[in-house]
PDB file of all heavy atoms in Angstrom:
ATOM      1  N   GLY A   1      88.507 109.892  96.997  1.00  0.00           N
ATOM      2  CA  GLY A   1      89.434 110.997  96.780  1.00  0.00           C
ATOM      3  C   GLY A   1      89.194 111.675  95.450  1.00  0.00           C
ATOM      4  O   GLY A   1      90.100 111.827  94.623  1.00  0.00           O
ATOM      5  N   GLU A   2      87.939 112.089  95.212  1.00  0.00           N
ATOM      6  CA  GLU A   2      87.540 112.590  93.903  1.00  0.00           C
ATOM      7  C   GLU A   2      88.433 113.718  93.387  1.00  0.00           C
ATOM      8  O   GLU A   2      88.771 113.770  92.200  1.00  0.00           O
ATOM      9  CB  GLU A   2      86.090 113.082  93.941  1.00  0.00           C
ATOM     10  CG  GLU A   2      85.056 112.001  94.189  1.00  0.00           C
ATOM     11  CD  GLU A   2      84.736 111.852  95.669  1.00  0.00           C
ATOM     12  OE1 GLU A   2      85.545 112.333  96.503  1.00  0.00           O
ATOM     13  OE2 GLU A   2      83.691 111.263  96.003  1.00  0.00           O
ATOM     14  N   ALA A   3      88.832 114.614  94.280  1.00  0.00           N
ATOM     15  CA  ALA A   3      89.632 115.756  93.839  1.00  0.00           C
ATOM     16  C   ALA A   3      90.958 115.309  93.242  1.00  0.00           C
ATOM     17  O   ALA A   3      91.423 115.861  92.240  1.00  0.00           O
ATOM     18  CB  ALA A   3      89.870 116.700  95.013  1.00  0.00           C
ATOM     19  N   PHE A   4      91.587 114.304  93.844  1.00  0.00           N
ATOM     20  CA  PHE A   4      92.864 113.809  93.329  1.00  0.00           C
ATOM     21  C   PHE A   4      92.665 112.931  92.095  1.00  0.00           C
ATOM     22  O   PHE A   4      93.375 113.063  91.097  1.00  0.00           O
ATOM     23  CB  PHE A   4      93.596 113.022  94.419  1.00  0.00           C
ATOM     24  CG  PHE A   4      93.874 113.815  95.658  1.00  0.00           C
ATOM     25  CD1 PHE A   4      93.152 113.592  96.820  1.00  0.00           C
ATOM     26  CD2 PHE A   4      94.853 114.794  95.675  1.00  0.00           C
ATOM     27  CE1 PHE A   4      93.400 114.315  97.968  1.00  0.00           C
ATOM     28  CE2 PHE A   4      95.121 115.533  96.821  1.00  0.00           C
ATOM     29  CZ  PHE A   4      94.385 115.293  97.966  1.00  0.00           C
ATOM     30  N   ALA A   5      91.670 112.016  92.178  1.00  0.00           N
ATOM     31  CA  ALA A   5      91.465 111.065  91.079  1.00  0.00           C
ATOM     32  C   ALA A   5      91.064 111.763  89.787  1.00  0.00           C
ATOM     33  O   ALA A   5      91.536 111.416  88.696  1.00  0.00           O
ATOM     34  CB  ALA A   5      90.403 110.044  91.486  1.00  0.00           C
ATOM     35  N   SER A   6      90.189 112.767  89.874  1.00  0.00           N
ATOM     36  CA  SER A   6      89.685 113.414  88.661  1.00  0.00           C
ATOM     37  C   SER A   6      90.731 114.260  87.957  1.00  0.00           C
ATOM     38  O   SER A   6      90.589 114.580  86.775  1.00  0.00           O
ATOM     39  CB  SER A   6      88.468 114.285  89.011  1.00  0.00           C
ATOM     40  OG  SER A   6      88.841 115.339  89.888  1.00  0.00           O
ATOM     41  N   THR A   7      91.803 114.627  88.674  1.00  0.00           N
ATOM     42  CA  THR A   7      92.852 115.456  88.077  1.00  0.00           C
ATOM     43  C   THR A   7      94.149 114.674  87.864  1.00  0.00           C
ATOM     44  O   THR A   7      95.128 115.244  87.365  1.00  0.00           O
ATOM     45  CB  THR A   7      93.151 116.669  88.972  1.00  0.00           C
ATOM     46  OG1 THR A   7      93.537 116.206  90.280  1.00  0.00           O
ATOM     47  CG2 THR A   7      91.934 117.566  89.098  1.00  0.00           C
ATOM     48  N   GLY A   8      94.158 113.398  88.246  1.00  0.00           N
ATOM     49  CA  GLY A   8      95.380 112.614  88.113  1.00  0.00           C
ATOM     50  C   GLY A   8      96.491 113.106  89.017  1.00  0.00           C
ATOM     51  O   GLY A   8      97.683 112.895  88.735  1.00  0.00           O
ATOM     52  N   THR A   9      96.133 113.754  90.123  1.00  0.00           N
ATOM     53  CA  THR A   9      97.114 114.324  91.041  1.00  0.00           C
ATOM     54  C   THR A   9      97.704 113.236  91.940  1.00  0.00           C
ATOM     55  O   THR A   9      96.995 112.351  92.410  1.00  0.00           O
ATOM     56  CB  THR A   9      96.457 115.399  91.909  1.00  0.00           C
ATOM     57  OG1 THR A   9      95.949 116.431  91.056  1.00  0.00           O
ATOM     58  CG2 THR A   9      97.446 116.021  92.873  1.00  0.00           C
ATOM     59  N   THR A  10      98.987 113.301  92.170  1.00  0.00           N
ATOM     60  CA  THR A  10      99.661 112.325  93.026  1.00  0.00           C
ATOM     61  C   THR A  10     100.112 112.981  94.323  1.00  0.00           C
ATOM     62  O   THR A  10     100.252 114.208  94.407  1.00  0.00           O
ATOM     63  CB  THR A  10     100.892 111.730  92.338  1.00  0.00           C
ATOM     64  OG1 THR A  10     101.869 112.761  92.139  1.00  0.00           O
ATOM     65  CG2 THR A  10     100.511 111.134  90.978  1.00  0.00           C
ATOM     66  N   LEU A  11     100.344 112.160  95.334  1.00  0.00           N
ATOM     67  CA  LEU A  11     100.957 112.597  96.579  1.00  0.00           C
ATOM     68  C   LEU A  11     102.195 111.751  96.811  1.00  0.00           C
ATOM     69  O   LEU A  11     102.142 110.516  96.686  1.00  0.00           O
ATOM     70  CB  LEU A  11     100.001 112.434  97.755  1.00  0.00           C
ATOM     71  CG  LEU A  11      98.822 113.405  97.840  1.00  0.00           C
ATOM     72  CD1 LEU A  11      97.952 113.084  99.053  1.00  0.00           C
ATOM     73  CD2 LEU A  11      99.301 114.842  97.906  1.00  0.00           C
ATOM     74  N   PHE A  12     103.326 112.414  97.090  1.00  0.00           N
ATOM     75  CA  PHE A  12     104.597 111.735  97.297  1.00  0.00           C
ATOM     76  C   PHE A  12     104.957 110.855  96.096  1.00  0.00           C
ATOM     77  O   PHE A  12     105.600 109.816  96.236  1.00  0.00           O
ATOM     78  CB  PHE A  12     104.574 110.903  98.582  1.00  0.00           C
ATOM     79  CG  PHE A  12     104.156 111.688  99.797  1.00  0.00           C
ATOM     80  CD1 PHE A  12     102.905 111.507 100.370  1.00  0.00           C
ATOM     81  CD2 PHE A  12     105.013 112.625 100.350  1.00  0.00           C
ATOM     82  CE1 PHE A  12     102.515 112.234 101.475  1.00  0.00           C
ATOM     83  CE2 PHE A  12     104.636 113.365 101.467  1.00  0.00           C
ATOM     84  CZ  PHE A  12     103.379 113.175 102.024  1.00  0.00           C
ATOM     85  N   GLY A  13     104.484 111.267  94.910  1.00  0.00           N
ATOM     86  CA  GLY A  13     104.787 110.536  93.696  1.00  0.00           C
ATOM     87  C   GLY A  13     104.030 109.233  93.533  1.00  0.00           C
ATOM     88  O   GLY A  13     104.319 108.450  92.627  1.00  0.00           O
ATOM     89  N   GLN A  14     103.026 108.994  94.385  1.00  0.00           N
ATOM     90  CA  GLN A  14     102.262 107.744  94.357  1.00  0.00           C
ATOM     91  C   GLN A  14     100.818 108.061  93.964  1.00  0.00           C
ATOM     92  O   GLN A  14     100.071 108.623  94.754  1.00  0.00           O
ATOM     93  CB  GLN A  14     102.287 107.062  95.730  1.00  0.00           C
ATOM     94  CG  GLN A  14     103.672 106.938  96.332  1.00  0.00           C
ATOM     95  CD  GLN A  14     104.627 106.154  95.459  1.00  0.00           C
ATOM     96  OE1 GLN A  14     104.323 105.042  95.030  1.00  0.00           O
ATOM     97  NE2 GLN A  14     105.792 106.738  95.194  1.00  0.00           N
ATOM     98  N   PRO A  15     100.386 107.712  92.751  1.00  0.00           N
ATOM     99  CA  PRO A  15      99.046 108.104  92.294  1.00  0.00           C
ATOM    100  C   PRO A  15      97.928 107.423  93.058  1.00  0.00           C
ATOM    101  O   PRO A  15      97.058 108.091  93.613  1.00  0.00           O
ATOM    102  CB  PRO A  15      99.058 107.695  90.818  1.00  0.00           C
ATOM    103  CG  PRO A  15     100.099 106.621  90.721  1.00  0.00           C
ATOM    104  CD  PRO A  15     101.143 106.982  91.726  1.00  0.00           C
ATOM    105  N   GLY A  16      97.894 106.114  93.130  1.00  0.00           N
ATOM    106  CA  GLY A  16      96.872 105.406  93.880  1.00  0.00           C
ATOM    107  C   GLY A  16      95.511 105.404  93.215  1.00  0.00           C
ATOM    108  O   GLY A  16      95.236 106.155  92.284  1.00  0.00           O
ATOM    109  N   GLN A  17      94.649 104.540  93.706  1.00  0.00           N
ATOM    110  CA  GLN A  17      93.298 104.377  93.163  1.00  0.00           C
ATOM    111  C   GLN A  17      92.230 104.885  94.131  1.00  0.00           C
ATOM    112  O   GLN A  17      91.047 104.757  93.868  1.00  0.00           O
ATOM    113  CB  GLN A  17      93.059 102.899  92.846  1.00  0.00           C
ATOM    114  CG  GLN A  17      94.036 102.347  91.819  1.00  0.00           C
ATOM    115  CD  GLN A  17      93.902 100.848  91.628  1.00  0.00           C
ATOM    116  OE1 GLN A  17      93.063 100.207  92.261  1.00  0.00           O
ATOM    117  NE2 GLN A  17      94.712 100.285  90.750  1.00  0.00           N
ATOM    118  N   GLY A  18      92.619 105.430  95.240  1.00  0.00           N
ATOM    119  CA  GLY A  18      91.673 105.948  96.213  1.00  0.00           C
ATOM    120  C   GLY A  18      92.363 106.148  97.540  1.00  0.00           C
ATOM    121  O   GLY A  18      93.535 105.802  97.725  1.00  0.00           O
ATOM    122  N   VAL A  19      91.645 106.730  98.491  1.00  0.00           N
ATOM    123  CA  VAL A  19      92.199 106.997  99.811  1.00  0.00           C
ATOM    124  C   VAL A  19      92.106 105.734 100.661  1.00  0.00           C
ATOM    125  O   VAL A  19      91.036 105.126 100.780  1.00  0.00           O
ATOM    126  CB  VAL A  19      91.450 108.156 100.493  1.00  0.00           C
ATOM    127  CG1 VAL A  19      91.981 108.369 101.912  1.00  0.00           C
ATOM    128  CG2 VAL A  19      91.591 109.431  99.668  1.00  0.00           C
ATOM    129  N   ASN A  20      93.219 105.345 101.252  1.00  0.00           N
ATOM    130  CA  ASN A  20      93.268 104.174 102.120  1.00  0.00           C
ATOM    131  C   ASN A  20      94.421 104.383 103.091  1.00  0.00           C
ATOM    132  O   ASN A  20      95.578 104.149 102.752  1.00  0.00           O
ATOM    133  CB  ASN A  20      93.458 102.889 101.312  1.00  0.00           C
ATOM    134  CG  ASN A  20      93.429 101.648 102.180  1.00  0.00           C
ATOM    135  OD1 ASN A  20      93.046 101.694 103.352  1.00  0.00           O
ATOM    136  ND2 ASN A  20      93.831 100.517 101.619  1.00  0.00           N
ATOM    137  N   ALA A  21      94.130 104.855 104.294  1.00  0.00           N
ATOM    138  CA  ALA A  21      95.181 105.202 105.255  1.00  0.00           C
ATOM    139  C   ALA A  21      94.874 104.610 106.626  1.00  0.00           C
ATOM    140  O   ALA A  21      93.719 104.605 107.069  1.00  0.00           O
ATOM    141  CB  ALA A  21      95.324 106.715 105.366  1.00  0.00           C
ATOM    142  N   THR A  22      95.917 104.123 107.271  1.00  0.00           N
ATOM    143  CA  THR A  22      95.809 103.575 108.623  1.00  0.00           C
ATOM    144  C   THR A  22      96.990 104.095 109.435  1.00  0.00           C
ATOM    145  O   THR A  22      98.143 103.946 109.023  1.00  0.00           O
ATOM    146  CB  THR A  22      95.839 102.037 108.619  1.00  0.00           C
ATOM    147  OG1 THR A  22      94.827 101.550 107.747  1.00  0.00           O
ATOM    148  CG2 THR A  22      95.611 101.493 110.019  1.00  0.00           C
ATOM    149  N   SER A  23      96.711 104.685 110.574  1.00  0.00           N
ATOM    150  CA  SER A  23      97.772 105.219 111.422  1.00  0.00           C
ATOM    151  C   SER A  23      97.445 104.938 112.885  1.00  0.00           C
ATOM    152  O   SER A  23      96.279 104.975 113.293  1.00  0.00           O
ATOM    153  CB  SER A  23      97.918 106.736 111.206  1.00  0.00           C
ATOM    154  OG  SER A  23      98.950 107.272 112.014  1.00  0.00           O
ATOM    155  N   TRP A  24      98.471 104.641 113.660  1.00  0.00           N
ATOM    156  CA  TRP A  24      98.280 104.390 115.087  1.00  0.00           C
ATOM    157  C   TRP A  24      99.496 104.901 115.854  1.00  0.00           C
ATOM    158  O   TRP A  24     100.582 105.069 115.296  1.00  0.00           O
ATOM    159  CB  TRP A  24      98.065 102.902 115.361  1.00  0.00           C
ATOM    160  CG  TRP A  24      99.195 102.012 114.912  1.00  0.00           C
ATOM    161  CD1 TRP A  24      99.375 101.477 113.672  1.00  0.00           C
ATOM    162  CD2 TRP A  24     100.327 101.611 115.694  1.00  0.00           C
ATOM    163  NE1 TRP A  24     100.538 100.747 113.622  1.00  0.00           N
ATOM    164  CE2 TRP A  24     101.143 100.796 114.855  1.00  0.00           C
ATOM    165  CE3 TRP A  24     100.715 101.830 117.008  1.00  0.00           C
ATOM    166  CZ2 TRP A  24     102.326 100.230 115.303  1.00  0.00           C
ATOM    167  CZ3 TRP A  24     101.900 101.264 117.466  1.00  0.00           C
ATOM    168  CH2 TRP A  24     102.690 100.468 116.617  1.00  0.00           C
ATOM    169  N   GLY A  25      99.287 105.158 117.138  1.00  0.00           N
ATOM    170  CA  GLY A  25     100.377 105.676 117.942  1.00  0.00           C
ATOM    171  C   GLY A  25     100.196 105.395 119.413  1.00  0.00           C
ATOM    172  O   GLY A  25      99.076 105.164 119.888  1.00  0.00           O
ATOM    173  N   VAL A  26     101.300 105.412 120.154  1.00  0.00           N
ATOM    174  CA  VAL A  26     101.287 105.229 121.606  1.00  0.00           C
ATOM    175  C   VAL A  26     102.187 106.288 122.231  1.00  0.00           C
ATOM    176  O   VAL A  26     103.114 106.810 121.588  1.00  0.00           O
ATOM    177  CB  VAL A  26     101.764 103.821 122.015  1.00  0.00           C
ATOM    178  CG1 VAL A  26     100.764 102.767 121.570  1.00  0.00           C
ATOM    179  CG2 VAL A  26     103.149 103.528 121.440  1.00  0.00           C
ATOM    180  N   LYS A  27     101.904 106.565 123.483  1.00  0.00           N
ATOM    181  CA  LYS A  27     102.641 107.612 124.198  1.00  0.00           C
ATOM    182  C   LYS A  27     102.701 107.253 125.675  1.00  0.00           C
ATOM    183  O   LYS A  27     101.716 106.758 126.235  1.00  0.00           O
ATOM    184  CB  LYS A  27     101.934 108.959 123.990  1.00  0.00           C
ATOM    185  CG  LYS A  27     102.584 110.168 124.636  1.00  0.00           C
ATOM    186  CD  LYS A  27     101.768 111.418 124.300  1.00  0.00           C
ATOM    187  CE  LYS A  27     102.338 112.666 124.900  1.00  0.00           C
ATOM    188  NZ  LYS A  27     101.520 113.861 124.571  1.00  0.00           N
ATOM    189  N   ALA A  28     103.829 107.494 126.319  1.00  0.00           N
ATOM    190  CA  ALA A  28     103.976 107.203 127.745  1.00  0.00           C
ATOM    191  C   ALA A  28     104.951 108.200 128.357  1.00  0.00           C
ATOM    192  O   ALA A  28     105.919 108.624 127.700  1.00  0.00           O
ATOM    193  CB  ALA A  28     104.471 105.779 127.975  1.00  0.00           C
ATOM    194  N   GLY A  29     104.696 108.562 129.612  1.00  0.00           N
ATOM    195  CA  GLY A  29     105.579 109.518 130.263  1.00  0.00           C
ATOM    196  C   GLY A  29     105.247 109.696 131.718  1.00  0.00           C
ATOM    197  O   GLY A  29     104.438 108.957 132.298  1.00  0.00           O
ATOM    198  N   ILE A  30     105.858 110.692 132.318  1.00  0.00           N
ATOM    199  CA  ILE A  30     105.610 111.017 133.717  1.00  0.00           C
ATOM    200  C   ILE A  30     105.459 112.523 133.867  1.00  0.00           C
ATOM    201  O   ILE A  30     106.079 113.312 133.145  1.00  0.00           O
ATOM    202  CB  ILE A  30     106.747 110.525 134.641  1.00  0.00           C
ATOM    203  CG1 ILE A  30     108.100 111.116 134.195  1.00  0.00           C
ATOM    204  CG2 ILE A  30     106.801 108.994 134.670  1.00  0.00           C
ATOM    205  CD1 ILE A  30     109.234 110.829 135.150  1.00  0.00           C
ATOM    206  N   GLN A  31     104.603 112.896 134.792  1.00  0.00           N
ATOM    207  CA  GLN A  31     104.471 114.284 135.215  1.00  0.00           C
ATOM    208  C   GLN A  31     105.025 114.398 136.628  1.00  0.00           C
ATOM    209  O   GLN A  31     104.676 113.607 137.495  1.00  0.00           O
ATOM    210  CB  GLN A  31     103.003 114.717 135.183  1.00  0.00           C
ATOM    211  CG  GLN A  31     102.415 114.800 133.789  1.00  0.00           C
ATOM    212  CD  GLN A  31     100.963 115.243 133.791  1.00  0.00           C
ATOM    213  OE1 GLN A  31     100.263 115.066 134.789  1.00  0.00           O
ATOM    214  NE2 GLN A  31     100.510 115.791 132.688  1.00  0.00           N
ATOM    215  N   PHE A  32     105.890 115.339 136.832  1.00  0.00           N
ATOM    216  CA  PHE A  32     106.485 115.540 138.148  1.00  0.00           C
ATOM    217  C   PHE A  32     106.395 117.018 138.499  1.00  0.00           C
ATOM    218  O   PHE A  32     106.041 117.839 137.637  1.00  0.00           O
ATOM    219  CB  PHE A  32     107.935 115.044 138.164  1.00  0.00           C
ATOM    220  CG  PHE A  32     108.787 115.584 137.050  1.00  0.00           C
ATOM    221  CD1 PHE A  32     109.455 116.798 137.182  1.00  0.00           C
ATOM    222  CD2 PHE A  32     108.918 114.886 135.854  1.00  0.00           C
ATOM    223  CE1 PHE A  32     110.239 117.301 136.167  1.00  0.00           C
ATOM    224  CE2 PHE A  32     109.698 115.381 134.814  1.00  0.00           C
ATOM    225  CZ  PHE A  32     110.364 116.589 134.972  1.00  0.00           C
ATOM    226  N   PRO A  33     106.669 117.366 139.755  1.00  0.00           N
ATOM    227  CA  PRO A  33     106.557 118.786 140.124  1.00  0.00           C
ATOM    228  C   PRO A  33     107.357 119.687 139.192  1.00  0.00           C
ATOM    229  O   PRO A  33     108.553 119.493 138.983  1.00  0.00           O
ATOM    230  CB  PRO A  33     107.127 118.807 141.551  1.00  0.00           C
ATOM    231  CG  PRO A  33     106.847 117.441 142.078  1.00  0.00           C
ATOM    232  CD  PRO A  33     107.017 116.523 140.894  1.00  0.00           C
ATOM    233  N   HIS A  34     106.658 120.613 138.558  1.00  0.00           N
ATOM    234  CA  HIS A  34     107.248 121.630 137.690  1.00  0.00           C
ATOM    235  C   HIS A  34     107.787 121.088 136.374  1.00  0.00           C
ATOM    236  O   HIS A  34     108.618 121.737 135.735  1.00  0.00           O
ATOM    237  CB  HIS A  34     108.359 122.401 138.408  1.00  0.00           C
ATOM    238  CG  HIS A  34     108.011 122.842 139.786  1.00  0.00           C
ATOM    239  ND1 HIS A  34     106.823 123.478 140.090  1.00  0.00           N
ATOM    240  CD2 HIS A  34     108.690 122.708 140.964  1.00  0.00           C
ATOM    241  CE1 HIS A  34     106.777 123.739 141.388  1.00  0.00           C
ATOM    242  NE2 HIS A  34     107.879 123.283 141.939  1.00  0.00           N
ATOM    243  N   GLY A  35     107.324 119.897 135.934  1.00  0.00           N
ATOM    244  CA  GLY A  35     107.823 119.422 134.666  1.00  0.00           C
ATOM    245  C   GLY A  35     107.197 118.126 134.199  1.00  0.00           C
ATOM    246  O   GLY A  35     106.311 117.561 134.848  1.00  0.00           O
ATOM    247  N   SER A  36     107.654 117.658 133.036  1.00  0.00           N
ATOM    248  CA  SER A  36     107.158 116.401 132.469  1.00  0.00           C
ATOM    249  C   SER A  36     108.199 115.843 131.501  1.00  0.00           C
ATOM    250  O   SER A  36     109.073 116.568 131.010  1.00  0.00           O
ATOM    251  CB  SER A  36     105.827 116.612 131.737  1.00  0.00           C
ATOM    252  OG  SER A  36     105.987 117.478 130.623  1.00  0.00           O
ATOM    253  N   LEU A  37     108.088 114.532 131.243  1.00  0.00           N
ATOM    254  CA  LEU A  37     108.942 113.850 130.301  1.00  0.00           C
ATOM    255  C   LEU A  37     108.130 112.753 129.632  1.00  0.00           C
ATOM    256  O   LEU A  37     107.459 111.979 130.320  1.00  0.00           O
ATOM    257  CB  LEU A  37     110.158 113.240 131.001  1.00  0.00           C
ATOM    258  CG  LEU A  37     111.083 112.349 130.152  1.00  0.00           C
ATOM    259  CD1 LEU A  37     111.785 113.176 129.072  1.00  0.00           C
ATOM    260  CD2 LEU A  37     112.099 111.636 131.030  1.00  0.00           C
ATOM    261  N   TRP A  38     108.139 112.686 128.281  1.00  0.00           N
ATOM    262  CA  TRP A  38     107.383 111.639 127.611  1.00  0.00           C
ATOM    263  C   TRP A  38     108.052 111.187 126.321  1.00  0.00           C
ATOM    264  O   TRP A  38     108.886 111.897 125.748  1.00  0.00           O
ATOM    265  CB  TRP A  38     105.938 112.044 127.348  1.00  0.00           C
ATOM    266  CG  TRP A  38     105.679 113.300 126.575  1.00  0.00           C
ATOM    267  CD1 TRP A  38     105.368 114.519 127.092  1.00  0.00           C
ATOM    268  CD2 TRP A  38     105.682 113.464 125.144  1.00  0.00           C
ATOM    269  NE1 TRP A  38     105.175 115.439 126.079  1.00  0.00           N
ATOM    270  CE2 TRP A  38     105.348 114.817 124.881  1.00  0.00           C
ATOM    271  CE3 TRP A  38     105.913 112.608 124.081  1.00  0.00           C
ATOM    272  CZ2 TRP A  38     105.256 115.318 123.581  1.00  0.00           C
ATOM    273  CZ3 TRP A  38     105.830 113.101 122.776  1.00  0.00           C
ATOM    274  CH2 TRP A  38     105.508 114.443 122.547  1.00  0.00           C
ATOM    275  N   TYR A  39     107.644 109.971 125.898  1.00  0.00           N
ATOM    276  CA  TYR A  39     108.113 109.360 124.660  1.00  0.00           C
ATOM    277  C   TYR A  39     106.890 108.912 123.873  1.00  0.00           C
ATOM    278  O   TYR A  39     105.916 108.402 124.447  1.00  0.00           O
ATOM    279  CB  TYR A  39     109.011 108.155 124.961  1.00  0.00           C
ATOM    280  CG  TYR A  39     109.345 107.318 123.732  1.00  0.00           C
ATOM    281  CD1 TYR A  39     110.447 107.619 122.945  1.00  0.00           C
ATOM    282  CD2 TYR A  39     108.543 106.238 123.369  1.00  0.00           C
ATOM    283  CE1 TYR A  39     110.754 106.866 121.813  1.00  0.00           C
ATOM    284  CE2 TYR A  39     108.850 105.474 122.239  1.00  0.00           C
ATOM    285  CZ  TYR A  39     109.945 105.796 121.471  1.00  0.00           C
ATOM    286  OH  TYR A  39     110.220 105.052 120.365  1.00  0.00           O
ATOM    287  N   ALA A  40     106.936 109.066 122.540  1.00  0.00           N
ATOM    288  CA  ALA A  40     105.799 108.685 121.700  1.00  0.00           C
ATOM    289  C   ALA A  40     106.280 108.024 120.426  1.00  0.00           C
ATOM    290  O   ALA A  40     107.399 108.289 119.950  1.00  0.00           O
ATOM    291  CB  ALA A  40     104.941 109.904 121.370  1.00  0.00           C
ATOM    292  N   TYR A  41     105.415 107.181 119.890  1.00  0.00           N
ATOM    293  CA  TYR A  41     105.694 106.489 118.629  1.00  0.00           C
ATOM    294  C   TYR A  41     104.431 106.526 117.778  1.00  0.00           C
ATOM    295  O   TYR A  41     103.330 106.274 118.279  1.00  0.00           O
ATOM    296  CB  TYR A  41     106.099 105.034 118.883  1.00  0.00           C
ATOM    297  CG  TYR A  41     106.300 104.216 117.625  1.00  0.00           C
ATOM    298  CD1 TYR A  41     107.540 104.169 116.994  1.00  0.00           C
ATOM    299  CD2 TYR A  41     105.248 103.490 117.055  1.00  0.00           C
ATOM    300  CE1 TYR A  41     107.740 103.415 115.838  1.00  0.00           C
ATOM    301  CE2 TYR A  41     105.431 102.735 115.898  1.00  0.00           C
ATOM    302  CZ  TYR A  41     106.678 102.712 115.298  1.00  0.00           C
ATOM    303  OH  TYR A  41     106.857 101.976 114.156  1.00  0.00           O
ATOM    304  N   ASP A  42     104.580 106.838 116.489  1.00  0.00           N
ATOM    305  CA  ASP A  42     103.463 106.843 115.543  1.00  0.00           C
ATOM    306  C   ASP A  42     103.865 106.091 114.288  1.00  0.00           C
ATOM    307  O   ASP A  42     105.035 106.139 113.865  1.00  0.00           O
ATOM    308  CB  ASP A  42     103.063 108.272 115.157  1.00  0.00           C
ATOM    309  CG  ASP A  42     101.997 108.847 116.077  1.00  0.00           C
ATOM    310  OD1 ASP A  42     101.027 108.133 116.379  1.00  0.00           O
ATOM    311  OD2 ASP A  42     102.150 110.011 116.495  1.00  0.00           O
ATOM    312  N   SER A  43     102.888 105.428 113.678  1.00  0.00           N
ATOM    313  CA  SER A  43     103.142 104.709 112.432  1.00  0.00           C
ATOM    314  C   SER A  43     101.983 104.932 111.470  1.00  0.00           C
ATOM    315  O   SER A  43     100.817 104.799 111.853  1.00  0.00           O
ATOM    316  CB  SER A  43     103.313 103.208 112.691  1.00  0.00           C
ATOM    317  OG  SER A  43     103.471 102.492 111.473  1.00  0.00           O
ATOM    318  N   THR A  44     102.301 105.290 110.235  1.00  0.00           N
ATOM    319  CA  THR A  44     101.324 105.358 109.152  1.00  0.00           C
ATOM    320  C   THR A  44     101.661 104.248 108.174  1.00  0.00           C
ATOM    321  O   THR A  44     102.745 104.251 107.581  1.00  0.00           O
ATOM    322  CB  THR A  44     101.362 106.720 108.439  1.00  0.00           C
ATOM    323  OG1 THR A  44     101.065 107.762 109.385  1.00  0.00           O
ATOM    324  CG2 THR A  44     100.330 106.773 107.323  1.00  0.00           C
ATOM    325  N   GLU A  45     100.755 103.308 108.031  1.00  0.00           N
ATOM    326  CA  GLU A  45     101.044 102.097 107.281  1.00  0.00           C
ATOM    327  C   GLU A  45     101.128 102.344 105.775  1.00  0.00           C
ATOM    328  O   GLU A  45     100.474 103.244 105.242  1.00  0.00           O
ATOM    329  CB  GLU A  45      99.968 101.039 107.562  1.00  0.00           C
ATOM    330  CG  GLU A  45      99.772 100.728 109.040  1.00  0.00           C
ATOM    331  CD  GLU A  45     101.020 100.172 109.684  1.00  0.00           C
ATOM    332  OE1 GLU A  45     101.782  99.474 108.991  1.00  0.00           O
ATOM    333  OE2 GLU A  45     101.250 100.443 110.882  1.00  0.00           O
ATOM    334  N   LEU A  46     101.951 101.518 105.096  1.00  0.00           N
ATOM    335  CA  LEU A  46     102.061 101.557 103.647  1.00  0.00           C
ATOM    336  C   LEU A  46     100.951 100.706 103.045  1.00  0.00           C
ATOM    337  O   LEU A  46     100.783  99.536 103.393  1.00  0.00           O
ATOM    338  CB  LEU A  46     103.420 101.014 103.202  1.00  0.00           C
ATOM    339  CG  LEU A  46     103.673 100.963 101.696  1.00  0.00           C
ATOM    340  CD1 LEU A  46     103.755 102.374 101.121  1.00  0.00           C
ATOM    341  CD2 LEU A  46     104.952 100.182 101.391  1.00  0.00           C
TER     342      LEU A  46
END
């Protein structure tokens, strides 16, 4: 994350020592005549 590290820039008030991100998600639903319904969940780890 050279752009952030070289300027001491923080994101969400958290400076950090480099980029380290993990995110995952799931989604499930149904498609029916003339419509759809679904539910989803996403998580970005700390």
